[in-house]
Every structure is written in C-alpha cells, then in structure tokens.
C-alpha atoms as a PDB file:
ATOM      1  CA  MET A   1       7.561  -6.349  67.243  1.00  0.00           C
ATOM      2  CA  ALA A   2       9.507  -9.089  67.966  1.00  0.00           C
ATOM      3  CA  THR A   3       9.765 -10.413  71.648  1.00  0.00           C
ATOM      4  CA  GLU A   4      11.803 -12.853  73.359  1.00  0.00           C
ATOM      5  CA  ALA A   5       8.510 -15.570  73.138  1.00  0.00           C
ATOM      6  CA  GLY A   6       7.802 -14.506  69.437  1.00  0.00           C
ATOM      7  CA  THR A   7       5.787 -11.537  68.051  1.00  0.00           C
ATOM      8  CA  ALA A   8       3.668  -8.674  69.666  1.00  0.00           C
ATOM      9  CA  THR A   9       1.119  -7.183  67.286  1.00  0.00           C
ATOM     10  CA  LEU A  10      -1.162  -3.993  67.664  1.00  0.00           C
ATOM     11  CA  GLU A  11      -3.952  -4.131  64.935  1.00  0.00           C
ATOM     12  CA  TYR A  12      -5.418  -0.836  63.500  1.00  0.00           C
ATOM     13  CA  ARG A  13      -7.473   0.780  60.822  1.00  0.00           C
ATOM     14  CA  ARG A  14      -6.491   3.748  59.264  1.00  0.00           C
ATOM     15  CA  ASP A  15      -9.208   6.298  58.313  1.00  0.00           C
ATOM     16  CA  GLY A  16      -7.611   9.215  56.793  1.00  0.00           C
ATOM     17  CA  ASP A  17      -5.221  11.074  59.276  1.00  0.00           C
ATOM     18  CA  THR A  18      -6.632   8.702  62.069  1.00  0.00           C
ATOM     19  CA  LEU A  19      -5.293   5.351  63.328  1.00  0.00           C
ATOM     20  CA  HIS A  20      -8.019   3.297  65.207  1.00  0.00           C
ATOM     21  CA  LEU A  21      -6.131   1.271  67.225  1.00  0.00           C
ATOM     22  CA  THR A  22      -8.109  -1.666  67.696  1.00  0.00           C
ATOM     23  CA  HIS A  23      -6.369  -4.677  69.603  1.00  0.00           C
ATOM     24  CA  THR A  24      -3.015  -5.443  71.327  1.00  0.00           C
ATOM     25  CA  GLU A  25      -1.579  -8.893  71.713  1.00  0.00           C
ATOM     26  CA  VAL A  26       1.370 -10.294  73.413  1.00  0.00           C
ATOM     27  CA  PRO A  27       2.682 -13.880  73.813  1.00  0.00           C
ATOM     28  CA  ARG A  28       1.307 -14.842  76.839  1.00  0.00           C
ATOM     29  CA  GLU A  29       5.063 -15.723  78.038  1.00  0.00           C
ATOM     30  CA  ASP A  30       5.717 -11.869  77.963  1.00  0.00           C
ATOM     31  CA  GLU A  31       2.611 -10.786  79.230  1.00  0.00           C
ATOM     32  CA  GLY A  32       3.528  -8.520  82.373  1.00  0.00           C
ATOM     33  CA  ARG A  33       6.991  -7.819  81.066  1.00  0.00           C
ATOM     34  CA  GLY A  34       6.130  -4.424  79.457  1.00  0.00           C
ATOM     35  CA  GLU A  35       5.954  -5.716  75.900  1.00  0.00           C
ATOM     36  CA  GLY A  36       2.401  -4.285  75.282  1.00  0.00           C
ATOM     37  CA  GLY A  37       3.428  -0.917  76.640  1.00  0.00           C
ATOM     38  CA  ARG A  38       6.588  -0.853  74.299  1.00  0.00           C
ATOM     39  CA  LEU A  39       4.457  -1.705  71.619  1.00  0.00           C
ATOM     40  CA  VAL A  40       1.774   1.245  72.122  1.00  0.00           C
ATOM     41  CA  GLU A  41       4.442   3.641  72.898  1.00  0.00           C
ATOM     42  CA  HIS A  42       6.336   2.750  69.417  1.00  0.00           C
ATOM     43  CA  VAL A  43       2.933   3.183  67.725  1.00  0.00           C
ATOM     44  CA  LEU A  44       2.172   6.292  69.348  1.00  0.00           C
ATOM     45  CA  GLY A  45       5.600   7.845  68.513  1.00  0.00           C
ATOM     46  CA  TRP A  46       5.064   6.658  64.858  1.00  0.00           C
ATOM     47  CA  ALA A  47       2.074   8.522  64.703  1.00  0.00           C
ATOM     48  CA  ARG A  48       2.988  11.431  66.145  1.00  0.00           C
ATOM     49  CA  THR A  49       6.024  11.714  63.770  1.00  0.00           C
ATOM     50  CA  GLU A  50       3.457  10.903  60.969  1.00  0.00           C
ATOM     51  CA  GLY A  51       1.141  13.864  62.348  1.00  0.00           C
ATOM     52  CA  LEU A  52      -1.656  11.191  62.753  1.00  0.00           C
ATOM     53  CA  HIS A  53      -4.142  11.367  65.425  1.00  0.00           C
ATOM     54  CA  VAL A  54      -5.236   8.073  67.514  1.00  0.00           C
ATOM     55  CA  VAL A  55      -8.492   6.638  68.614  1.00  0.00           C
ATOM     56  CA  PRO A  56      -7.653   4.074  71.079  1.00  0.00           C
ATOM     57  CA  ASP A  57     -10.588   1.096  70.677  1.00  0.00           C
ATOM     58  CA  CYS A  58      -8.598  -1.254  72.330  1.00  0.00           C
ATOM     59  CA  PRO A  59      -9.154  -1.225  75.920  1.00  0.00           C
ATOM     60  CA  PHE A  60      -5.086  -1.731  76.764  1.00  0.00           C
ATOM     61  CA  VAL A  61      -4.390   1.238  74.702  1.00  0.00           C
ATOM     62  CA  SER A  62      -6.790   3.284  76.332  1.00  0.00           C
ATOM     63  CA  SER A  63      -5.671   2.392  79.856  1.00  0.00           C
ATOM     64  CA  TRP A  64      -1.879   2.744  78.463  1.00  0.00           C
ATOM     65  CA  ILE A  65      -2.886   6.614  77.323  1.00  0.00           C
ATOM     66  CA  ARG A  66      -4.574   7.033  80.758  1.00  0.00           C
ATOM     67  CA  ARG A  67      -1.577   5.967  82.592  1.00  0.00           C
ATOM     68  CA  HIS A  68       0.779   8.233  79.865  1.00  0.00           C
ATOM     69  CA  PRO A  69      -1.314  11.424  79.461  1.00  0.00           C
ATOM     70  CA  GLU A  70       1.503  13.023  77.734  1.00  0.00           C
ATOM     71  CA  HIS A  71       0.221  11.049  74.632  1.00  0.00           C
ATOM     72  CA  LEU A  72      -3.152  12.241  75.105  1.00  0.00           C
ATOM     73  CA  ASP A  73      -2.511  15.538  72.613  1.00  0.00           C
ATOM     74  CA  LEU A  74      -2.402  12.558  69.779  1.00  0.00           C
ATOM     75  CA  VAL A  75      -6.400  11.628  70.528  1.00  0.00           C
ATOM     76  CA  PRO A  76      -9.020  13.811  68.782  1.00  0.00           C
ATOM     77  CA  GLU A  77     -10.609  16.278  71.595  1.00  0.00           C
ATOM     78  CA  ASP A  78     -14.103  15.489  69.599  1.00  0.00           C
ATOM     79  CA  TRP A  79     -13.667  11.763  70.191  1.00  0.00           C
ATOM     80  CA  PRO A  80     -16.487  10.940  72.789  1.00  0.00           C
ATOM     81  CA  GLY A  81     -14.516   8.609  74.699  1.00  0.00           C
ATOM     82  CA  ARG A  82     -11.311  11.276  75.502  1.00  0.00           C
ATOM     83  CA  GLU A  83     -13.147  12.123  78.613  1.00  0.00           C
ATOM     84  CA  ARG A  84     -12.283   8.481  80.160  1.00  0.00           C
ATOM     85  CA  LEU A  85      -8.634   8.994  79.158  1.00  0.00           C
ATOM     86  CA  VAL A  86      -8.262  12.022  81.512  1.00  0.00           C
ATOM     87  CA  ARG A  87      -7.370  11.091  85.017  1.00  0.00           C
ATOM     88  CA  GLU A  88      -8.764  12.820  88.043  1.00  0.00           C
ATOM     89  CA  LYS A  89      -6.208  14.953  90.049  1.00  0.00           C
ATOM     90  CA  PRO A  90      -6.266  13.443  93.650  1.00  0.00           C
END
C-alpha cells in the first residue's frame, strides 16, 4: 500500500481458504500515523469479501484484531491463539 513515505506491506502465506498474516512493515516515517492499521483493515476486508479466514501470526495484526473485535469472526474458532485475541470485559 502506498504511503506518504513509501510502501507499507503485509506479508502472508495462503493455505487453502486461510491467510496466515506473517509480517507487517510500515516506513519508519509513517509509524504512528495509522498506516499499518489501514493496511490490516484493507486486507481483512478483502479476506471477508473473498470468504477467507485469517490467522494473525504477526504480532501487530494480532493486537489490531484484539482492539477491533468486529473482525474476530475471520479467525478460525479452532485456531489455538484465538482466545488471546478476546479482550476481557472490565
């Protein structure tokens, strides 16, 4: 994805109907500007329209999904790390 300072990338590996999201990278000049979040949101939206599941192997993607639980349905229920994505109610 093009940013003001370069290109933000999200690396993945596809396994059937599942995308393993493995690494997110944003140009240093764009850090803290929400570019990584916009990229993750775009990829998750694409996965949803394609009927794919996602496995957030990337720590940034995991923390983003944890903060945006409306996307948790894309993560397979039998994925062992899924419970870490559910925020506890205060």
